[in-house]
Amino acid sequence: MPRGVKKSTADKLRQELEKIRKSISDHEEKIAALKEKEKEVLDQIHDAEMESIRQTMEEKGLDVDALKKILDCYEADSSKDEAN
């Protein structure tokens, strides 16, 4: 009993190409989802670091202006070290 018309080599290759394109599309979607997750995790890291700074400032009784002064002094000291 005949099973149907035999597919040509070109038809087989077209089917393979379609599978490859589908696979590429699936992977691109996964990459996009992973990049979004990466962004979320980076944001969480940033938030955790900022919270740590806030807690330290609170423990030391520092306000934002005091922290700015400390950083300005640090920057000035670093500039002197680089000049030497």
N, C-alpha and C. Protein backbone atom coordinates (compact mmCIF):
# COMPACT_ATOMS: atom_id res chain seq x y z
N MET A 1 0.82 -1.16 0.00
CA MET A 1 0.00 0.00 0.00
C MET A 1 0.88 1.25 0.00
N PRO A 2 0.60 2.19 -0.88
CA PRO A 2 1.42 3.40 -0.92
C PRO A 2 1.15 4.28 0.30
N ARG A 3 2.19 4.89 0.78
CA ARG A 3 2.07 5.74 1.96
C ARG A 3 1.95 7.21 1.60
N GLY A 4 1.95 7.56 0.38
CA GLY A 4 1.85 8.95 -0.03
C GLY A 4 3.05 9.33 -0.87
N VAL A 5 3.03 10.53 -1.29
CA VAL A 5 4.11 11.03 -2.13
C VAL A 5 5.36 11.25 -1.29
N LYS A 6 6.47 10.77 -1.79
CA LYS A 6 7.74 10.93 -1.10
C LYS A 6 8.15 12.40 -1.15
N LYS A 7 8.60 12.90 -0.02
CA LYS A 7 9.01 14.30 0.05
C LYS A 7 10.35 14.47 -0.64
N SER A 8 10.48 15.59 -1.32
CA SER A 8 11.74 15.89 -1.98
C SER A 8 12.76 16.34 -0.93
N THR A 9 13.99 16.32 -1.34
CA THR A 9 15.05 16.78 -0.45
C THR A 9 14.81 18.22 -0.03
N ALA A 10 14.38 19.06 -0.97
CA ALA A 10 14.11 20.47 -0.66
C ALA A 10 13.00 20.59 0.37
N ASP A 11 11.95 19.78 0.25
CA ASP A 11 10.86 19.82 1.22
C ASP A 11 11.34 19.41 2.61
N LYS A 12 12.18 18.39 2.67
CA LYS A 12 12.73 17.95 3.95
C LYS A 12 13.57 19.06 4.58
N LEU A 13 14.36 19.72 3.74
CA LEU A 13 15.20 20.80 4.23
C LEU A 13 14.37 21.99 4.69
N ARG A 14 13.29 22.28 4.01
CA ARG A 14 12.39 23.36 4.43
C ARG A 14 11.78 23.07 5.80
N GLN A 15 11.40 21.81 5.99
CA GLN A 15 10.86 21.42 7.30
C GLN A 15 11.92 21.56 8.40
N GLU A 16 13.13 21.14 8.07
CA GLU A 16 14.22 21.27 9.04
C GLU A 16 14.48 22.75 9.35
N LEU A 17 14.47 23.59 8.30
CA LEU A 17 14.67 25.02 8.49
C LEU A 17 13.59 25.61 9.38
N GLU A 18 12.36 25.19 9.19
CA GLU A 18 11.26 25.69 10.01
C GLU A 18 11.44 25.29 11.48
N LYS A 19 11.90 24.07 11.72
CA LYS A 19 12.17 23.63 13.09
C LYS A 19 13.28 24.46 13.72
N ILE A 20 14.31 24.74 12.94
CA ILE A 20 15.43 25.55 13.44
C ILE A 20 14.95 26.94 13.79
N ARG A 21 14.15 27.55 12.92
CA ARG A 21 13.63 28.89 13.18
C ARG A 21 12.75 28.92 14.42
N LYS A 22 11.96 27.90 14.60
CA LYS A 22 11.11 27.81 15.79
C LYS A 22 11.98 27.70 17.04
N SER A 23 13.02 26.89 16.95
CA SER A 23 13.93 26.73 18.09
C SER A 23 14.63 28.05 18.42
N ILE A 24 15.06 28.77 17.40
CA ILE A 24 15.69 30.08 17.61
C ILE A 24 14.72 31.03 18.29
N SER A 25 13.49 31.05 17.83
CA SER A 25 12.47 31.92 18.41
C SER A 25 12.24 31.57 19.88
N ASP A 26 12.14 30.28 20.17
CA ASP A 26 11.95 29.84 21.56
C ASP A 26 13.11 30.29 22.44
N HIS A 27 14.34 30.14 21.94
CA HIS A 27 15.51 30.54 22.72
C HIS A 27 15.56 32.05 22.92
N GLU A 28 15.18 32.81 21.90
CA GLU A 28 15.16 34.27 22.04
C GLU A 28 14.16 34.70 23.11
N GLU A 29 13.02 34.02 23.17
CA GLU A 29 12.04 34.33 24.21
C GLU A 29 12.60 34.01 25.60
N LYS A 30 13.31 32.88 25.70
CA LYS A 30 13.91 32.51 26.97
C LYS A 30 14.98 33.51 27.38
N ILE A 31 15.77 33.96 26.41
CA ILE A 31 16.82 34.94 26.70
C ILE A 31 16.19 36.25 27.18
N ALA A 32 15.12 36.68 26.52
CA ALA A 32 14.44 37.91 26.93
C ALA A 32 13.92 37.78 28.36
N ALA A 33 13.35 36.63 28.69
CA ALA A 33 12.85 36.41 30.05
C ALA A 33 13.99 36.41 31.06
N LEU A 34 15.12 35.81 30.70
CA LEU A 34 16.27 35.78 31.60
C LEU A 34 16.85 37.18 31.79
N LYS A 35 16.88 37.99 30.74
CA LYS A 35 17.38 39.35 30.86
C LYS A 35 16.48 40.17 31.78
N GLU A 36 15.18 39.95 31.71
CA GLU A 36 14.26 40.65 32.60
C GLU A 36 14.50 40.22 34.04
N LYS A 37 14.70 38.92 34.24
CA LYS A 37 14.98 38.40 35.58
C LYS A 37 16.30 38.97 36.10
N GLU A 38 17.30 39.07 35.22
CA GLU A 38 18.59 39.65 35.59
C GLU A 38 18.40 41.09 36.08
N LYS A 39 17.60 41.86 35.36
CA LYS A 39 17.34 43.25 35.74
C LYS A 39 16.67 43.31 37.11
N GLU A 40 15.71 42.42 37.35
CA GLU A 40 15.03 42.39 38.64
C GLU A 40 16.00 42.08 39.77
N VAL A 41 16.89 41.13 39.56
CA VAL A 41 17.86 40.74 40.59
C VAL A 41 18.84 41.89 40.84
N LEU A 42 19.29 42.55 39.78
CA LEU A 42 20.18 43.70 39.95
C LEU A 42 19.49 44.80 40.74
N ASP A 43 18.22 45.02 40.47
CA ASP A 43 17.46 46.02 41.23
C ASP A 43 17.36 45.63 42.69
N GLN A 44 17.15 44.34 42.96
CA GLN A 44 17.07 43.87 44.34
C GLN A 44 18.40 44.03 45.06
N ILE A 45 19.51 43.78 44.34
CA ILE A 45 20.84 43.97 44.93
C ILE A 45 21.03 45.44 45.28
N HIS A 46 20.68 46.30 44.35
CA HIS A 46 20.80 47.75 44.59
C HIS A 46 19.98 48.16 45.81
N ASP A 47 18.74 47.69 45.87
CA ASP A 47 17.88 48.03 47.02
C ASP A 47 18.48 47.54 48.33
N ALA A 48 19.03 46.32 48.32
CA ALA A 48 19.62 45.76 49.54
C ALA A 48 20.84 46.57 49.96
N GLU A 49 21.65 46.98 48.99
CA GLU A 49 22.83 47.79 49.32
C GLU A 49 22.42 49.15 49.88
N MET A 50 21.42 49.76 49.27
CA MET A 50 20.95 51.05 49.76
C MET A 50 20.38 50.92 51.17
N GLU A 51 19.67 49.84 51.42
CA GLU A 51 19.11 49.61 52.75
C GLU A 51 20.23 49.44 53.78
N SER A 52 21.29 48.74 53.39
CA SER A 52 22.43 48.57 54.27
C SER A 52 23.07 49.91 54.60
N ILE A 53 23.22 50.75 53.60
CA ILE A 53 23.77 52.10 53.83
C ILE A 53 22.86 52.90 54.75
N ARG A 54 21.57 52.84 54.51
CA ARG A 54 20.61 53.57 55.35
C ARG A 54 20.70 53.11 56.80
N GLN A 55 20.77 51.80 57.00
CA GLN A 55 20.85 51.27 58.36
C GLN A 55 22.14 51.72 59.06
N THR A 56 23.24 51.69 58.34
CA THR A 56 24.52 52.12 58.91
C THR A 56 24.47 53.60 59.27
N MET A 57 23.90 54.40 58.38
CA MET A 57 23.77 55.83 58.66
C MET A 57 22.93 56.05 59.91
N GLU A 58 21.85 55.29 60.03
CA GLU A 58 20.97 55.42 61.19
C GLU A 58 21.71 55.03 62.47
N GLU A 59 22.46 53.92 62.41
CA GLU A 59 23.22 53.46 63.58
C GLU A 59 24.27 54.48 64.01
N LYS A 60 24.88 55.14 63.04
CA LYS A 60 25.93 56.11 63.33
C LYS A 60 25.39 57.52 63.57
N GLY A 61 24.08 57.69 63.38
CA GLY A 61 23.48 58.99 63.59
C GLY A 61 23.83 60.00 62.50
N LEU A 62 24.04 59.50 61.29
CA LEU A 62 24.40 60.37 60.18
C LEU A 62 23.17 60.74 59.35
N ASP A 63 23.17 61.97 58.87
CA ASP A 63 22.15 62.34 57.90
C ASP A 63 22.83 62.41 56.52
N VAL A 64 22.06 62.74 55.51
CA VAL A 64 22.58 62.74 54.14
C VAL A 64 23.71 63.76 53.98
N ASP A 65 23.56 64.93 54.59
CA ASP A 65 24.61 65.95 54.48
C ASP A 65 25.93 65.47 55.09
N ALA A 66 25.85 64.79 56.22
CA ALA A 66 27.06 64.27 56.86
C ALA A 66 27.72 63.22 55.97
N LEU A 67 26.92 62.37 55.36
CA LEU A 67 27.47 61.36 54.46
C LEU A 67 28.14 62.02 53.26
N LYS A 68 27.54 63.05 52.73
CA LYS A 68 28.14 63.78 51.61
C LYS A 68 29.49 64.36 52.00
N LYS A 69 29.58 64.92 53.19
CA LYS A 69 30.85 65.49 53.65
C LYS A 69 31.91 64.40 53.77
N ILE A 70 31.52 63.25 54.32
CA ILE A 70 32.47 62.13 54.44
C ILE A 70 32.96 61.72 53.06
N LEU A 71 32.05 61.61 52.12
CA LEU A 71 32.43 61.20 50.77
C LEU A 71 33.29 62.25 50.09
N ASP A 72 32.99 63.51 50.33
CA ASP A 72 33.83 64.57 49.76
C ASP A 72 35.25 64.50 50.31
N CYS A 73 35.38 64.24 51.60
CA CYS A 73 36.71 64.11 52.21
C CYS A 73 37.44 62.90 51.63
N TYR A 74 36.73 61.81 51.46
CA TYR A 74 37.31 60.60 50.88
C TYR A 74 37.79 60.89 49.46
N GLU A 75 36.98 61.59 48.70
CA GLU A 75 37.33 61.93 47.32
C GLU A 75 38.57 62.81 47.30
N ALA A 76 38.65 63.77 48.20
CA ALA A 76 39.81 64.65 48.26
C ALA A 76 41.07 63.85 48.62
N ASP A 77 40.95 62.94 49.58
CA ASP A 77 42.10 62.10 49.97
C ASP A 77 42.53 61.20 48.83
N SER A 78 41.58 60.66 48.09
CA SER A 78 41.90 59.79 46.96
C SER A 78 42.62 60.56 45.86
N SER A 79 42.20 61.78 45.64
CA SER A 79 42.83 62.63 44.63
C SER A 79 44.29 62.92 45.00
N LYS A 80 44.53 63.17 46.28
CA LYS A 80 45.90 63.43 46.74
C LYS A 80 46.77 62.21 46.55
N ASP A 81 46.24 61.01 46.86
CA ASP A 81 46.99 59.77 46.72
C ASP A 81 47.36 59.52 45.26
N GLU A 82 46.44 59.82 44.35
CA GLU A 82 46.69 59.60 42.92
C GLU A 82 47.74 60.57 42.39
N ALA A 83 47.80 61.76 42.97
CA ALA A 83 48.77 62.76 42.52
C ALA A 83 50.19 62.36 42.92
N ASN A 84 50.32 61.60 43.99
CA ASN A 84 51.66 61.20 44.49
C ASN A 84 52.13 60.01 43.78
